[in-house]
């Protein structure tokens, strides 16, 4: 859920570029997928 919020924050301003640094590194496989 925290990573969903982080993604929401990253895209809310409709940026031209999204940079993701190990975006699933702290998640289990289900949440990672």
ModelCIF file with pLDDT and N, C-alpha, C, O atoms, coordinates in Angstrom:
data_MODEL
#
_entry.id   MODEL 
#
_entity.id                         1 
_entity.type                       polymer 
_entity.pdbx_number_of_molecules   1 
#
_entity_poly.entity_id                      1 
_entity_poly.type                           'polypeptide(L)' 
_entity_poly.nstd_linkage                   no 
_entity_poly.nstd_monomer                   no 
_entity_poly.pdbx_seq_one_letter_code       
;(UNK)(UNK)(UNK)(UNK)(UNK)(UNK)(UNK)(UNK)(UNK)(UNK)(UNK)(UNK)(UNK)(UNK)(UNK)(UNK)
(UNK)(UNK)(UNK)(UNK)(UNK)(UNK)(UNK)(UNK)(UNK)(UNK)(UNK)(UNK)(UNK)(UNK)(UNK)(UNK)
(UNK)
;
_entity_poly.pdbx_seq_one_letter_code_can   XXXXXXXXXXXXXXXXXXXXXXXXXXXXXXXXX 
_entity_poly.pdbx_strand_id                 A 
#
loop_
_entity_poly_seq.entity_id 
_entity_poly_seq.num 
_entity_poly_seq.mon_id 
_entity_poly_seq.hetero 
1 1  UNK n 
1 2  UNK n 
1 3  UNK n 
1 4  UNK n 
1 5  UNK n 
1 6  UNK n 
1 7  UNK n 
1 8  UNK n 
1 9  UNK n 
1 10 UNK n 
1 11 UNK n 
1 12 UNK n 
1 13 UNK n 
1 14 UNK n 
1 15 UNK n 
1 16 UNK n 
1 17 UNK n 
1 18 UNK n 
1 19 UNK n 
1 20 UNK n 
1 21 UNK n 
1 22 UNK n 
1 23 UNK n 
1 24 UNK n 
1 25 UNK n 
1 26 UNK n 
1 27 UNK n 
1 28 UNK n 
1 29 UNK n 
1 30 UNK n 
1 31 UNK n 
1 32 UNK n 
1 33 UNK n 
#
_struct_asym.id          A 
_struct_asym.entity_id   1 
#
loop_
_ma_qa_metric.id 
_ma_qa_metric.mode 
_ma_qa_metric.name 
_ma_qa_metric.software_group_id 
_ma_qa_metric.type 
1 global pLDDT . pLDDT 
2 local  pLDDT . pLDDT 
#
_ma_qa_metric_global.metric_id      1 
_ma_qa_metric_global.metric_value   91.67 
_ma_qa_metric_global.model_id       1 
_ma_qa_metric_global.ordinal_id     1 
#
loop_
_ma_qa_metric_local.label_asym_id 
_ma_qa_metric_local.label_comp_id 
_ma_qa_metric_local.label_seq_id 
_ma_qa_metric_local.metric_id 
_ma_qa_metric_local.metric_value 
_ma_qa_metric_local.model_id 
_ma_qa_metric_local.ordinal_id 
A UNK 1  2 93.00 1 1  
A UNK 2  2 93.00 1 2  
A UNK 3  2 90.00 1 3  
A UNK 4  2 90.00 1 4  
A UNK 5  2 94.00 1 5  
A UNK 6  2 93.00 1 6  
A UNK 7  2 92.00 1 7  
A UNK 8  2 93.00 1 8  
A UNK 9  2 93.00 1 9  
A UNK 10 2 92.00 1 10 
A UNK 11 2 91.00 1 11 
A UNK 12 2 92.00 1 12 
A UNK 13 2 91.00 1 13 
A UNK 14 2 89.00 1 14 
A UNK 15 2 91.00 1 15 
A UNK 16 2 91.00 1 16 
A UNK 17 2 95.00 1 17 
A UNK 18 2 95.00 1 18 
A UNK 19 2 96.00 1 19 
A UNK 20 2 95.00 1 20 
A UNK 21 2 93.00 1 21 
A UNK 22 2 92.00 1 22 
A UNK 23 2 91.00 1 23 
A UNK 24 2 91.00 1 24 
A UNK 25 2 89.00 1 25 
A UNK 26 2 87.00 1 26 
A UNK 27 2 88.00 1 27 
A UNK 28 2 90.00 1 28 
A UNK 29 2 91.00 1 29 
A UNK 30 2 91.00 1 30 
A UNK 31 2 89.00 1 31 
A UNK 32 2 91.00 1 32 
A UNK 33 2 93.00 1 33 
#
loop_
_atom_site.group_PDB 
_atom_site.id 
_atom_site.type_symbol 
_atom_site.label_atom_id 
_atom_site.label_alt_id 
_atom_site.label_comp_id 
_atom_site.label_asym_id 
_atom_site.label_entity_id 
_atom_site.label_seq_id 
_atom_site.pdbx_PDB_ins_code 
_atom_site.Cartn_x 
_atom_site.Cartn_y 
_atom_site.Cartn_z 
_atom_site.occupancy 
_atom_site.B_iso_or_equiv 
_atom_site.pdbx_formal_charge 
_atom_site.auth_seq_id 
_atom_site.auth_comp_id 
_atom_site.auth_asym_id 
_atom_site.auth_atom_id 
_atom_site.pdbx_PDB_model_num 
ATOM 1   N N  . UNK A 1 1  ? 0.826  -1.208  0.000   1.00 93.00 ? 1  UNK A N  1 
ATOM 2   C CA . UNK A 1 1  ? 0.000  0.000   0.000   1.00 93.00 ? 1  UNK A CA 1 
ATOM 3   C C  . UNK A 1 1  ? 0.862  1.261   0.000   1.00 93.00 ? 1  UNK A C  1 
ATOM 4   O O  . UNK A 1 1  ? 0.544  2.236   -0.680  1.00 93.00 ? 1  UNK A O  1 
ATOM 5   N N  . UNK A 1 2  ? 1.955  1.237   0.766   1.00 93.00 ? 2  UNK A N  1 
ATOM 6   C CA . UNK A 1 2  ? 2.850  2.400   0.792   1.00 93.00 ? 2  UNK A CA 1 
ATOM 7   C C  . UNK A 1 2  ? 3.436  2.661   -0.596  1.00 93.00 ? 2  UNK A C  1 
ATOM 8   O O  . UNK A 1 2  ? 3.554  3.812   -1.014  1.00 93.00 ? 2  UNK A O  1 
ATOM 9   N N  . UNK A 1 3  ? 3.807  1.584   -1.316  1.00 90.00 ? 3  UNK A N  1 
ATOM 10  C CA . UNK A 1 3  ? 4.374  1.797   -2.646  1.00 90.00 ? 3  UNK A CA 1 
ATOM 11  C C  . UNK A 1 3  ? 3.312  2.308   -3.618  1.00 90.00 ? 3  UNK A C  1 
ATOM 12  O O  . UNK A 1 3  ? 3.640  3.070   -4.527  1.00 90.00 ? 3  UNK A O  1 
ATOM 13  N N  . UNK A 1 4  ? 2.063  1.914   -3.453  1.00 90.00 ? 4  UNK A N  1 
ATOM 14  C CA . UNK A 1 4  ? 0.987  2.467   -4.287  1.00 90.00 ? 4  UNK A CA 1 
ATOM 15  C C  . UNK A 1 4  ? 0.846  3.972   -4.052  1.00 90.00 ? 4  UNK A C  1 
ATOM 16  O O  . UNK A 1 4  ? 0.651  4.748   -4.988  1.00 90.00 ? 4  UNK A O  1 
ATOM 17  N N  . UNK A 1 5  ? 0.950  4.362   -2.786  1.00 94.00 ? 5  UNK A N  1 
ATOM 18  C CA . UNK A 1 5  ? 0.892  5.791   -2.457  1.00 94.00 ? 5  UNK A CA 1 
ATOM 19  C C  . UNK A 1 5  ? 2.083  6.518   -3.067  1.00 94.00 ? 5  UNK A C  1 
ATOM 20  O O  . UNK A 1 5  ? 1.941  7.619   -3.600  1.00 94.00 ? 5  UNK A O  1 
ATOM 21  N N  . UNK A 1 6  ? 3.262  5.896   -2.986  1.00 93.00 ? 6  UNK A N  1 
ATOM 22  C CA . UNK A 1 6  ? 4.473  6.506   -3.549  1.00 93.00 ? 6  UNK A CA 1 
ATOM 23  C C  . UNK A 1 6  ? 4.342  6.672   -5.061  1.00 93.00 ? 6  UNK A C  1 
ATOM 24  O O  . UNK A 1 6  ? 4.770  7.685   -5.615  1.00 93.00 ? 6  UNK A O  1 
ATOM 25  N N  . UNK A 1 7  ? 3.756  5.684   -5.729  1.00 92.00 ? 7  UNK A N  1 
ATOM 26  C CA . UNK A 1 7  ? 3.543  5.797   -7.174  1.00 92.00 ? 7  UNK A CA 1 
ATOM 27  C C  . UNK A 1 7  ? 2.532  6.897   -7.462  1.00 92.00 ? 7  UNK A C  1 
ATOM 28  O O  . UNK A 1 7  ? 2.714  7.683   -8.391  1.00 92.00 ? 7  UNK A O  1 
ATOM 29  N N  . UNK A 1 8  ? 1.473  6.957   -6.674  1.00 93.00 ? 8  UNK A N  1 
ATOM 30  C CA . UNK A 1 8  ? 0.479  8.020   -6.850  1.00 93.00 ? 8  UNK A CA 1 
ATOM 31  C C  . UNK A 1 8  ? 1.132  9.393   -6.732  1.00 93.00 ? 8  UNK A C  1 
ATOM 32  O O  . UNK A 1 8  ? 0.861  10.287  -7.534  1.00 93.00 ? 8  UNK A O  1 
ATOM 33  N N  . UNK A 1 9  ? 1.986  9.556   -5.738  1.00 93.00 ? 9  UNK A N  1 
ATOM 34  C CA . UNK A 1 9  ? 2.684  10.829  -5.559  1.00 93.00 ? 9  UNK A CA 1 
ATOM 35  C C  . UNK A 1 9  ? 3.590  11.131  -6.752  1.00 93.00 ? 9  UNK A C  1 
ATOM 36  O O  . UNK A 1 9  ? 3.699  12.281  -7.178  1.00 93.00 ? 9  UNK A O  1 
ATOM 37  N N  . UNK A 1 10 ? 4.239  10.094  -7.291  1.00 92.00 ? 10 UNK A N  1 
ATOM 38  C CA . UNK A 1 10 ? 5.167  10.293  -8.403  1.00 92.00 ? 10 UNK A CA 1 
ATOM 39  C C  . UNK A 1 10 ? 4.457  10.720  -9.682  1.00 92.00 ? 10 UNK A C  1 
ATOM 40  O O  . UNK A 1 10 ? 5.027  11.449  -10.493 1.00 92.00 ? 10 UNK A O  1 
ATOM 41  N N  . UNK A 1 11 ? 3.216  10.269  -9.867  1.00 91.00 ? 11 UNK A N  1 
ATOM 42  C CA . UNK A 1 11 ? 2.545  10.508  -11.157 1.00 91.00 ? 11 UNK A CA 1 
ATOM 43  C C  . UNK A 1 11 ? 1.452  11.562  -11.091 1.00 91.00 ? 11 UNK A C  1 
ATOM 44  O O  . UNK A 1 11 ? 0.892  11.917  -12.128 1.00 91.00 ? 11 UNK A O  1 
ATOM 45  N N  . UNK A 1 12 ? 1.125  12.080  -9.899  1.00 92.00 ? 12 UNK A N  1 
ATOM 46  C CA . UNK A 1 12 ? -0.023 12.982  -9.762  1.00 92.00 ? 12 UNK A CA 1 
ATOM 47  C C  . UNK A 1 12 ? 0.136  14.264  -10.578 1.00 92.00 ? 12 UNK A C  1 
ATOM 48  O O  . UNK A 1 12 ? -0.861 14.855  -10.992 1.00 92.00 ? 12 UNK A O  1 
ATOM 49  N N  . UNK A 1 13 ? 1.363  14.696  -10.812 1.00 91.00 ? 13 UNK A N  1 
ATOM 50  C CA . UNK A 1 13 ? 1.604  15.923  -11.584 1.00 91.00 ? 13 UNK A CA 1 
ATOM 51  C C  . UNK A 1 13 ? 1.810  15.643  -13.074 1.00 91.00 ? 13 UNK A C  1 
ATOM 52  O O  . UNK A 1 13 ? 2.212  16.527  -13.830 1.00 91.00 ? 13 UNK A O  1 
ATOM 53  N N  . UNK A 1 14 ? 1.530  14.403  -13.488 1.00 89.00 ? 14 UNK A N  1 
ATOM 54  C CA . UNK A 1 14 ? 1.708  14.002  -14.895 1.00 89.00 ? 14 UNK A CA 1 
ATOM 55  C C  . UNK A 1 14 ? 3.115  14.320  -15.411 1.00 89.00 ? 14 UNK A C  1 
ATOM 56  O O  . UNK A 1 14 ? 3.262  15.025  -16.409 1.00 89.00 ? 14 UNK A O  1 
ATOM 57  N N  . UNK A 1 15 ? 4.143  13.806  -14.740 1.00 91.00 ? 15 UNK A N  1 
ATOM 58  C CA . UNK A 1 15 ? 5.522  14.117  -15.169 1.00 91.00 ? 15 UNK A CA 1 
ATOM 59  C C  . UNK A 1 15 ? 5.832  13.483  -16.518 1.00 91.00 ? 15 UNK A C  1 
ATOM 60  O O  . UNK A 1 15 ? 5.221  12.490  -16.914 1.00 91.00 ? 15 UNK A O  1 
ATOM 61  N N  . UNK A 1 16 ? 6.788  14.077  -17.210 1.00 91.00 ? 16 UNK A N  1 
ATOM 62  C CA . UNK A 1 16 ? 7.214  13.535  -18.504 1.00 91.00 ? 16 UNK A CA 1 
ATOM 63  C C  . UNK A 1 16 ? 8.048  12.269  -18.327 1.00 91.00 ? 16 UNK A C  1 
ATOM 64  O O  . UNK A 1 16 ? 8.077  11.407  -19.205 1.00 91.00 ? 16 UNK A O  1 
ATOM 65  N N  . UNK A 1 17 ? 8.729  12.165  -17.181 1.00 95.00 ? 17 UNK A N  1 
ATOM 66  C CA . UNK A 1 17 ? 9.635  11.047  -16.937 1.00 95.00 ? 17 UNK A CA 1 
ATOM 67  C C  . UNK A 1 17 ? 9.405  10.499  -15.526 1.00 95.00 ? 17 UNK A C  1 
ATOM 68  O O  . UNK A 1 17 ? 9.341  11.254  -14.556 1.00 95.00 ? 17 UNK A O  1 
ATOM 69  N N  . UNK A 1 18 ? 9.281  9.163   -15.430 1.00 95.00 ? 18 UNK A N  1 
ATOM 70  C CA . UNK A 1 18 ? 9.185  8.507   -14.127 1.00 95.00 ? 18 UNK A CA 1 
ATOM 71  C C  . UNK A 1 18 ? 10.468 7.706   -13.915 1.00 95.00 ? 18 UNK A C  1 
ATOM 72  O O  . UNK A 1 18 ? 10.846 6.887   -14.753 1.00 95.00 ? 18 UNK A O  1 
ATOM 73  N N  . UNK A 1 19 ? 11.133 7.952   -12.788 1.00 96.00 ? 19 UNK A N  1 
ATOM 74  C CA . UNK A 1 19 ? 12.349 7.223   -12.430 1.00 96.00 ? 19 UNK A CA 1 
ATOM 75  C C  . UNK A 1 19 ? 12.034 6.327   -11.237 1.00 96.00 ? 19 UNK A C  1 
ATOM 76  O O  . UNK A 1 19 ? 11.532 6.797   -10.216 1.00 96.00 ? 19 UNK A O  1 
ATOM 77  N N  . UNK A 1 20 ? 12.328 5.044   -11.369 1.00 95.00 ? 20 UNK A N  1 
ATOM 78  C CA . UNK A 1 20 ? 12.015 4.077   -10.315 1.00 95.00 ? 20 UNK A CA 1 
ATOM 79  C C  . UNK A 1 20 ? 13.294 3.374   -9.879  1.00 95.00 ? 20 UNK A C  1 
ATOM 80  O O  . UNK A 1 20 ? 13.976 2.754   -10.695 1.00 95.00 ? 20 UNK A O  1 
ATOM 81  N N  . UNK A 1 21 ? 13.616 3.471   -8.602  1.00 93.00 ? 21 UNK A N  1 
ATOM 82  C CA . UNK A 1 21 ? 14.834 2.863   -8.057  1.00 93.00 ? 21 UNK A CA 1 
ATOM 83  C C  . UNK A 1 21 ? 14.456 1.645   -7.226  1.00 93.00 ? 21 UNK A C  1 
ATOM 84  O O  . UNK A 1 21 ? 14.003 1.786   -6.090  1.00 93.00 ? 21 UNK A O  1 
ATOM 85  N N  . UNK A 1 22 ? 14.638 0.450   -7.783  1.00 92.00 ? 22 UNK A N  1 
ATOM 86  C CA . UNK A 1 22 ? 14.275 -0.808  -7.120  1.00 92.00 ? 22 UNK A CA 1 
ATOM 87  C C  . UNK A 1 22 ? 12.853 -0.719  -6.539  1.00 92.00 ? 22 UNK A C  1 
ATOM 88  O O  . UNK A 1 22 ? 12.679 -0.896  -5.333  1.00 92.00 ? 22 UNK A O  1 
ATOM 89  N N  . UNK A 1 23 ? 11.835 -0.449  -7.371  1.00 91.00 ? 23 UNK A N  1 
ATOM 90  C CA . UNK A 1 23 ? 10.500 -0.155  -6.848  1.00 91.00 ? 23 UNK A CA 1 
ATOM 91  C C  . UNK A 1 23 ? 9.825  -1.312  -6.130  1.00 91.00 ? 23 UNK A C  1 
ATOM 92  O O  . UNK A 1 23 ? 8.865  -1.092  -5.392  1.00 91.00 ? 23 UNK A O  1 
ATOM 93  N N  . UNK A 1 24 ? 10.304 -2.550  -6.326  1.00 91.00 ? 24 UNK A N  1 
ATOM 94  C CA . UNK A 1 24 ? 9.694  -3.683  -5.624  1.00 91.00 ? 24 UNK A CA 1 
ATOM 95  C C  . UNK A 1 24 ? 10.649 -4.299  -4.608  1.00 91.00 ? 24 UNK A C  1 
ATOM 96  O O  . UNK A 1 24 ? 10.374 -5.369  -4.065  1.00 91.00 ? 24 UNK A O  1 
ATOM 97  N N  . UNK A 1 25 ? 11.769 -3.627  -4.348  1.00 89.00 ? 25 UNK A N  1 
ATOM 98  C CA . UNK A 1 25 ? 12.819 -4.200  -3.516  1.00 89.00 ? 25 UNK A CA 1 
ATOM 99  C C  . UNK A 1 25 ? 12.396 -4.536  -2.098  1.00 89.00 ? 25 UNK A C  1 
ATOM 100 O O  . UNK A 1 25 ? 12.965 -5.439  -1.484  1.00 89.00 ? 25 UNK A O  1 
ATOM 101 N N  . UNK A 1 26 ? 11.396 -3.818  -1.559  1.00 87.00 ? 26 UNK A N  1 
ATOM 102 C CA . UNK A 1 26 ? 10.937 -4.072  -0.191  1.00 87.00 ? 26 UNK A CA 1 
ATOM 103 C C  . UNK A 1 26 ? 9.583  -4.770  -0.143  1.00 87.00 ? 26 UNK A C  1 
ATOM 104 O O  . UNK A 1 26 ? 8.915  -4.764  0.891   1.00 87.00 ? 26 UNK A O  1 
ATOM 105 N N  . UNK A 1 27 ? 9.173  -5.379  -1.272  1.00 88.00 ? 27 UNK A N  1 
ATOM 106 C CA . UNK A 1 27 ? 7.849  -5.979  -1.345  1.00 88.00 ? 27 UNK A CA 1 
ATOM 107 C C  . UNK A 1 27 ? 7.934  -7.489  -1.548  1.00 88.00 ? 27 UNK A C  1 
ATOM 108 O O  . UNK A 1 27 ? 8.912  -7.998  -2.095  1.00 88.00 ? 27 UNK A O  1 
ATOM 109 N N  . UNK A 1 28 ? 6.897  -8.199  -1.101  1.00 90.00 ? 28 UNK A N  1 
ATOM 110 C CA . UNK A 1 28 ? 6.820  -9.620  -1.421  1.00 90.00 ? 28 UNK A CA 1 
ATOM 111 C C  . UNK A 1 28 ? 6.462  -9.776  -2.898  1.00 90.00 ? 28 UNK A C  1 
ATOM 112 O O  . UNK A 1 28 ? 6.146  -8.795  -3.571  1.00 90.00 ? 28 UNK A O  1 
ATOM 113 N N  . UNK A 1 29 ? 6.513  -11.005 -3.395  1.00 91.00 ? 29 UNK A N  1 
ATOM 114 C CA . UNK A 1 29 ? 6.366  -11.215 -4.839  1.00 91.00 ? 29 UNK A CA 1 
ATOM 115 C C  . UNK A 1 29 ? 4.990  -10.801 -5.349  1.00 91.00 ? 29 UNK A C  1 
ATOM 116 O O  . UNK A 1 29 ? 4.887  -10.254 -6.447  1.00 91.00 ? 29 UNK A O  1 
ATOM 117 N N  . UNK A 1 30 ? 3.936  -11.045 -4.583  1.00 91.00 ? 30 UNK A N  1 
ATOM 118 C CA . UNK A 1 30 ? 2.585  -10.688 -5.032  1.00 91.00 ? 30 UNK A CA 1 
ATOM 119 C C  . UNK A 1 30 ? 2.452  -9.177  -5.195  1.00 91.00 ? 30 UNK A C  1 
ATOM 120 O O  . UNK A 1 30 ? 1.996  -8.695  -6.232  1.00 91.00 ? 30 UNK A O  1 
ATOM 121 N N  . UNK A 1 31 ? 2.850  -8.438  -4.171  1.00 89.00 ? 31 UNK A N  1 
ATOM 122 C CA . UNK A 1 31 ? 2.782  -6.970  -4.249  1.00 89.00 ? 31 UNK A CA 1 
ATOM 123 C C  . UNK A 1 31 ? 3.747  -6.428  -5.291  1.00 89.00 ? 31 UNK A C  1 
ATOM 124 O O  . UNK A 1 31 ? 3.465  -5.430  -5.954  1.00 89.00 ? 31 UNK A O  1 
ATOM 125 N N  . UNK A 1 32 ? 4.895  -7.098  -5.431  1.00 91.00 ? 32 UNK A N  1 
ATOM 126 C CA . UNK A 1 32 ? 5.860  -6.669  -6.442  1.00 91.00 ? 32 UNK A CA 1 
ATOM 127 C C  . UNK A 1 32 ? 5.289  -6.742  -7.843  1.00 91.00 ? 32 UNK A C  1 
ATOM 128 O O  . UNK A 1 32 ? 5.460  -5.818  -8.638  1.00 91.00 ? 32 UNK A O  1 
ATOM 129 N N  . UNK A 1 33 ? 4.615  -7.832  -8.149  1.00 93.00 ? 33 UNK A N  1 
ATOM 130 C CA . UNK A 1 33 ? 4.004  -7.983  -9.480  1.00 93.00 ? 33 UNK A CA 1 
ATOM 131 C C  . UNK A 1 33 ? 2.906  -6.941  -9.679  1.00 93.00 ? 33 UNK A C  1 
ATOM 132 O O  . UNK A 1 33 ? 2.274  -6.904  -10.734 1.00 93.00 ? 33 UNK A O  1 
#
